[in-house]
Amino acid sequence: MKLIVKCAWCGKIMEIKEIEEDEAPALPITHSICKCCLRGLRKQTQEIINNNKQNNNKRR
């Protein structure tokens, strides 16, 4: 059976995997995050961390 792996952020199909019938989920699709979306998420996260650090330093 084939299992479709999609990016949960952008919806791009990342791969189609062959899996055993006994491992098959009810729907033949699962989600992950592609490299492009992961880079963007890491960048956004780092910006939030940096902004929080700046705001905390201003309060002192």
PDB file of N, CA and C in Angstrom:
ATOM      1  N   MET A   1       0.842  -1.173   0.000  1.00  0.00           N
ATOM      2  CA  MET A   1       0.000   0.000   0.000  1.00  0.00           C
ATOM      3  C   MET A   1       0.888   1.236   0.000  1.00  0.00           C
ATOM      4  N   LYS A   2       0.399   2.298  -0.606  1.00  0.00           N
ATOM      5  CA  LYS A   2       1.156   3.542  -0.667  1.00  0.00           C
ATOM      6  C   LYS A   2       0.654   4.520   0.388  1.00  0.00           C
ATOM      7  N   LEU A   3       1.591   5.223   1.014  1.00  0.00           N
ATOM      8  CA  LEU A   3       1.295   6.230   2.022  1.00  0.00           C
ATOM      9  C   LEU A   3       1.833   7.559   1.516  1.00  0.00           C
ATOM     10  N   ILE A   4       0.985   8.564   1.437  1.00  0.00           N
ATOM     11  CA  ILE A   4       1.376   9.882   0.947  1.00  0.00           C
ATOM     12  C   ILE A   4       1.821  10.724   2.137  1.00  0.00           C
ATOM     13  N   VAL A   5       3.004  11.332   2.015  1.00  0.00           N
ATOM     14  CA  VAL A   5       3.531  12.213   3.056  1.00  0.00           C
ATOM     15  C   VAL A   5       3.456  13.645   2.519  1.00  0.00           C
ATOM     16  N   LYS A   6       2.655  14.482   3.200  1.00  0.00           N
ATOM     17  CA  LYS A   6       2.451  15.870   2.796  1.00  0.00           C
ATOM     18  C   LYS A   6       3.009  16.812   3.842  1.00  0.00           C
ATOM     19  N   CYS A   7       3.457  17.997   3.379  1.00  0.00           N
ATOM     20  CA  CYS A   7       3.876  19.040   4.312  1.00  0.00           C
ATOM     21  C   CYS A   7       2.617  19.639   4.934  1.00  0.00           C
ATOM     22  N   ALA A   8       2.573  19.683   6.253  1.00  0.00           N
ATOM     23  CA  ALA A   8       1.414  20.216   6.960  1.00  0.00           C
ATOM     24  C   ALA A   8       1.307  21.734   6.820  1.00  0.00           C
ATOM     25  N   TRP A   9       2.381  22.402   6.427  1.00  0.00           N
ATOM     26  CA  TRP A   9       2.377  23.856   6.302  1.00  0.00           C
ATOM     27  C   TRP A   9       1.972  24.295   4.897  1.00  0.00           C
ATOM     28  N   CYS A  10       2.637  23.788   3.870  1.00  0.00           N
ATOM     29  CA  CYS A  10       2.384  24.264   2.503  1.00  0.00           C
ATOM     30  C   CYS A  10       1.556  23.292   1.667  1.00  0.00           C
ATOM     31  N   GLY A  11       1.406  22.063   2.119  1.00  0.00           N
ATOM     32  CA  GLY A  11       0.596  21.089   1.399  1.00  0.00           C
ATOM     33  C   GLY A  11       1.316  20.333   0.299  1.00  0.00           C
ATOM     34  N   LYS A  12       2.596  20.615   0.108  1.00  0.00           N
ATOM     35  CA  LYS A  12       3.372  19.931  -0.928  1.00  0.00           C
ATOM     36  C   LYS A  12       3.510  18.448  -0.602  1.00  0.00           C
ATOM     37  N   ILE A  13       3.338  17.610  -1.614  1.00  0.00           N
ATOM     38  CA  ILE A  13       3.571  16.181  -1.419  1.00  0.00           C
ATOM     39  C   ILE A  13       5.081  15.968  -1.371  1.00  0.00           C
ATOM     40  N   MET A  14       5.539  15.426  -0.267  1.00  0.00           N
ATOM     41  CA  MET A  14       6.968  15.253  -0.053  1.00  0.00           C
ATOM     42  C   MET A  14       7.466  13.903  -0.555  1.00  0.00           C
ATOM     43  N   GLU A  15       6.672  12.873  -0.368  1.00  0.00           N
ATOM     44  CA  GLU A  15       7.055  11.551  -0.849  1.00  0.00           C
ATOM     45  C   GLU A  15       5.856  10.616  -0.805  1.00  0.00           C
ATOM     46  N   ILE A  16       5.987   9.549  -1.500  1.00  0.00           N
ATOM     47  CA  ILE A  16       5.004   8.470  -1.464  1.00  0.00           C
ATOM     48  C   ILE A  16       5.777   7.223  -1.054  1.00  0.00           C
ATOM     49  N   LYS A  17       5.407   6.682   0.093  1.00  0.00           N
ATOM     50  CA  LYS A  17       6.131   5.540   0.657  1.00  0.00           C
ATOM     51  C   LYS A  17       5.327   4.270   0.484  1.00  0.00           C
ATOM     52  N   GLU A  18       6.015   3.203   0.297  1.00  0.00           N
ATOM     53  CA  GLU A  18       5.386   1.884   0.251  1.00  0.00           C
ATOM     54  C   GLU A  18       5.404   1.337   1.678  1.00  0.00           C
ATOM     55  N   ILE A  19       4.245   0.942   2.185  1.00  0.00           N
ATOM     56  CA  ILE A  19       4.168   0.392   3.536  1.00  0.00           C
ATOM     57  C   ILE A  19       3.449  -0.953   3.510  1.00  0.00           C
ATOM     58  N   GLU A  20       3.636  -1.698   4.557  1.00  0.00           N
ATOM     59  CA  GLU A  20       2.990  -2.998   4.686  1.00  0.00           C
ATOM     60  C   GLU A  20       1.494  -2.808   4.914  1.00  0.00           C
ATOM     61  N   GLU A  21       0.693  -3.704   4.423  1.00  0.00           N
ATOM     62  CA  GLU A  21      -0.758  -3.629   4.594  1.00  0.00           C
ATOM     63  C   GLU A  21      -1.157  -3.556   6.057  1.00  0.00           C
ATOM     64  N   ASP A  22      -0.485  -4.321   6.922  1.00  0.00           N
ATOM     65  CA  ASP A  22      -0.864  -4.338   8.334  1.00  0.00           C
ATOM     66  C   ASP A  22      -0.495  -3.051   9.066  1.00  0.00           C
ATOM     67  N   GLU A  23       0.348  -2.193   8.453  1.00  0.00           N
ATOM     68  CA  GLU A  23       0.721  -0.907   9.039  1.00  0.00           C
ATOM     69  C   GLU A  23      -0.131   0.229   8.502  1.00  0.00           C
ATOM     70  N   ALA A  24      -1.019  -0.058   7.578  1.00  0.00           N
ATOM     71  CA  ALA A  24      -1.780   0.971   6.877  1.00  0.00           C
ATOM     72  C   ALA A  24      -2.761   1.686   7.799  1.00  0.00           C
ATOM     73  N   PRO A  25      -2.741   3.027   7.780  1.00  0.00           N
ATOM     74  CA  PRO A  25      -3.721   3.789   8.552  1.00  0.00           C
ATOM     75  C   PRO A  25      -5.071   3.795   7.825  1.00  0.00           C
ATOM     76  N   ALA A  26      -6.095   4.317   8.476  1.00  0.00           N
ATOM     77  CA  ALA A  26      -7.424   4.385   7.860  1.00  0.00           C
ATOM     78  C   ALA A  26      -7.390   5.237   6.584  1.00  0.00           C
ATOM     79  N   LEU A  27      -6.659   6.339   6.629  1.00  0.00           N
ATOM     80  CA  LEU A  27      -6.479   7.176   5.440  1.00  0.00           C
ATOM     81  C   LEU A  27      -5.009   7.087   5.042  1.00  0.00           C
ATOM     82  N   PRO A  28      -4.721   6.894   3.765  1.00  0.00           N
ATOM     83  CA  PRO A  28      -3.329   6.699   3.333  1.00  0.00           C
ATOM     84  C   PRO A  28      -2.544   8.005   3.196  1.00  0.00           C
ATOM     85  N   ILE A  29      -2.614   8.860   4.230  1.00  0.00           N
ATOM     86  CA  ILE A  29      -1.887  10.125   4.177  1.00  0.00           C
ATOM     87  C   ILE A  29      -1.364  10.449   5.575  1.00  0.00           C
ATOM     88  N   THR A  30      -0.194  11.053   5.619  1.00  0.00           N
ATOM     89  CA  THR A  30       0.387  11.505   6.880  1.00  0.00           C
ATOM     90  C   THR A  30       1.046  12.851   6.618  1.00  0.00           C
ATOM     91  N   HIS A  31       1.381  13.564   7.662  1.00  0.00           N
ATOM     92  CA  HIS A  31       1.938  14.902   7.513  1.00  0.00           C
ATOM     93  C   HIS A  31       3.287  15.020   8.201  1.00  0.00           C
ATOM     94  N   SER A  32       4.090  15.923   7.649  1.00  0.00           N
ATOM     95  CA  SER A  32       5.408  16.237   8.169  1.00  0.00           C
ATOM     96  C   SER A  32       5.632  17.710   7.858  1.00  0.00           C
ATOM     97  N   ILE A  33       6.881  18.139   7.791  1.00  0.00           N
ATOM     98  CA  ILE A  33       7.210  19.502   7.392  1.00  0.00           C
ATOM     99  C   ILE A  33       8.371  19.433   6.402  1.00  0.00           C
ATOM    100  N   CYS A  34       8.237  20.153   5.280  1.00  0.00           N
ATOM    101  CA  CYS A  34       9.288  20.126   4.260  1.00  0.00           C
ATOM    102  C   CYS A  34      10.448  21.031   4.688  1.00  0.00           C
ATOM    103  N   LYS A  35      11.581  20.876   4.041  1.00  0.00           N
ATOM    104  CA  LYS A  35      12.786  21.629   4.422  1.00  0.00           C
ATOM    105  C   LYS A  35      12.582  23.135   4.294  1.00  0.00           C
ATOM    106  N   CYS A  36      11.880  23.563   3.251  1.00  0.00           N
ATOM    107  CA  CYS A  36      11.649  24.995   3.038  1.00  0.00           C
ATOM    108  C   CYS A  36      10.806  25.583   4.166  1.00  0.00           C
ATOM    109  N   CYS A  37       9.719  24.922   4.520  1.00  0.00           N
ATOM    110  CA  CYS A  37       8.859  25.393   5.608  1.00  0.00           C
ATOM    111  C   CYS A  37       9.579  25.319   6.948  1.00  0.00           C
ATOM    112  N   LEU A  38      10.405  24.309   7.140  1.00  0.00           N
ATOM    113  CA  LEU A  38      11.166  24.184   8.378  1.00  0.00           C
ATOM    114  C   LEU A  38      12.122  25.361   8.543  1.00  0.00           C
ATOM    115  N   ARG A  39      12.792  25.749   7.456  1.00  0.00           N
ATOM    116  CA  ARG A  39      13.691  26.917   7.518  1.00  0.00           C
ATOM    117  C   ARG A  39      12.905  28.169   7.906  1.00  0.00           C
ATOM    118  N   GLY A  40      11.743  28.358   7.288  1.00  0.00           N
ATOM    119  CA  GLY A  40      10.920  29.524   7.595  1.00  0.00           C
ATOM    120  C   GLY A  40      10.439  29.514   9.037  1.00  0.00           C
ATOM    121  N   LEU A  41      10.037  28.359   9.516  1.00  0.00           N
ATOM    122  CA  LEU A  41       9.572  28.225  10.898  1.00  0.00           C
ATOM    123  C   LEU A  41      10.699  28.520  11.881  1.00  0.00           C
ATOM    124  N   ARG A  42      11.886  28.017  11.587  1.00  0.00           N
ATOM    125  CA  ARG A  42      13.040  28.286  12.463  1.00  0.00           C
ATOM    126  C   ARG A  42      13.367  29.778  12.480  1.00  0.00           C
ATOM    127  N   LYS A  43      13.275  30.429  11.321  1.00  0.00           N
ATOM    128  CA  LYS A  43      13.562  31.859  11.227  1.00  0.00           C
ATOM    129  C   LYS A  43      12.537  32.645  12.051  1.00  0.00           C
ATOM    130  N   GLN A  44      11.252  32.310  11.900  1.00  0.00           N
ATOM    131  CA  GLN A  44      10.208  32.986  12.664  1.00  0.00           C
ATOM    132  C   GLN A  44      10.402  32.775  14.157  1.00  0.00           C
ATOM    133  N   THR A  45      10.731  31.565  14.546  1.00  0.00           N
ATOM    134  CA  THR A  45      10.936  31.250  15.954  1.00  0.00           C
ATOM    135  C   THR A  45      12.098  32.054  16.518  1.00  0.00           C
ATOM    136  N   GLN A  46      13.185  32.143  15.769  1.00  0.00           N
ATOM    137  CA  GLN A  46      14.351  32.892  16.226  1.00  0.00           C
ATOM    138  C   GLN A  46      14.022  34.374  16.360  1.00  0.00           C
ATOM    139  N   GLU A  47      13.225  34.916  15.426  1.00  0.00           N
ATOM    140  CA  GLU A  47      12.819  36.318  15.508  1.00  0.00           C
ATOM    141  C   GLU A  47      11.985  36.565  16.763  1.00  0.00           C
ATOM    142  N   ILE A  48      11.091  35.656  17.082  1.00  0.00           N
ATOM    143  CA  ILE A  48      10.263  35.795  18.289  1.00  0.00           C
ATOM    144  C   ILE A  48      11.137  35.754  19.539  1.00  0.00           C
ATOM    145  N   ILE A  49      12.085  34.829  19.570  1.00  0.00           N
ATOM    146  CA  ILE A  49      13.003  34.727  20.719  1.00  0.00           C
ATOM    147  C   ILE A  49      13.805  36.005  20.868  1.00  0.00           C
ATOM    148  N   ASN A  50      14.325  36.518  19.759  1.00  0.00           N
ATOM    149  CA  ASN A  50      15.125  37.752  19.815  1.00  0.00           C
ATOM    150  C   ASN A  50      14.285  38.936  20.279  1.00  0.00           C
ATOM    151  N   ASN A  51      13.053  39.052  19.771  1.00  0.00           N
ATOM    152  CA  ASN A  51      12.166  40.147  20.187  1.00  0.00           C
ATOM    153  C   ASN A  51      11.838  40.050  21.672  1.00  0.00           C
ATOM    154  N   ASN A  52      11.593  38.845  22.165  1.00  0.00           N
ATOM    155  CA  ASN A  52      11.298  38.666  23.589  1.00  0.00           C
ATOM    156  C   ASN A  52      12.491  39.051  24.448  1.00  0.00           C
ATOM    157  N   LYS A  53      13.696  38.701  23.997  1.00  0.00           N
ATOM    158  CA  LYS A  53      14.906  39.062  24.747  1.00  0.00           C
ATOM    159  C   LYS A  53      15.058  40.576  24.799  1.00  0.00           C
ATOM    160  N   GLN A  54      14.813  41.246  23.662  1.00  0.00           N
ATOM    161  CA  GLN A  54      14.925  42.710  23.615  1.00  0.00           C
ATOM    162  C   GLN A  54      13.906  43.352  24.537  1.00  0.00           C
ATOM    163  N   ASN A  55      12.675  42.858  24.500  1.00  0.00           N
ATOM    164  CA  ASN A  55      11.621  43.411  25.360  1.00  0.00           C
ATOM    165  C   ASN A  55      11.940  43.202  26.842  1.00  0.00           C
ATOM    166  N   ASN A  56      12.484  42.056  27.177  1.00  0.00           N
ATOM    167  CA  ASN A  56      12.853  41.777  28.565  1.00  0.00           C
ATOM    168  C   ASN A  56      13.989  42.677  29.029  1.00  0.00           C
ATOM    169  N   ASN A  57      14.931  42.951  28.143  1.00  0.00           N
ATOM    170  CA  ASN A  57      16.047  43.834  28.487  1.00  0.00           C
ATOM    171  C   ASN A  57      15.579  45.284  28.690  1.00  0.00           C
ATOM    172  N   LYS A  58      14.562  45.713  27.943  1.00  0.00           N
ATOM    173  CA  LYS A  58      14.040  47.071  28.063  1.00  0.00           C
ATOM    174  C   LYS A  58      13.332  47.270  29.390  1.00  0.00           C
ATOM    175  N   ARG A  59      12.730  46.208  29.929  1.00  0.00           N
ATOM    176  CA  ARG A  59      11.987  46.285  31.176  1.00  0.00           C
ATOM    177  C   ARG A  59      12.892  46.414  32.393  1.00  0.00           C
ATOM    178  N   ARG A  60      14.123  46.043  32.244  1.00  0.00           N
ATOM    179  CA  ARG A  60      15.051  46.047  33.395  1.00  0.00           C
ATOM    180  C   ARG A  60      15.604  47.414  33.662  1.00  0.00           C
TER     181      ARG A  60
END
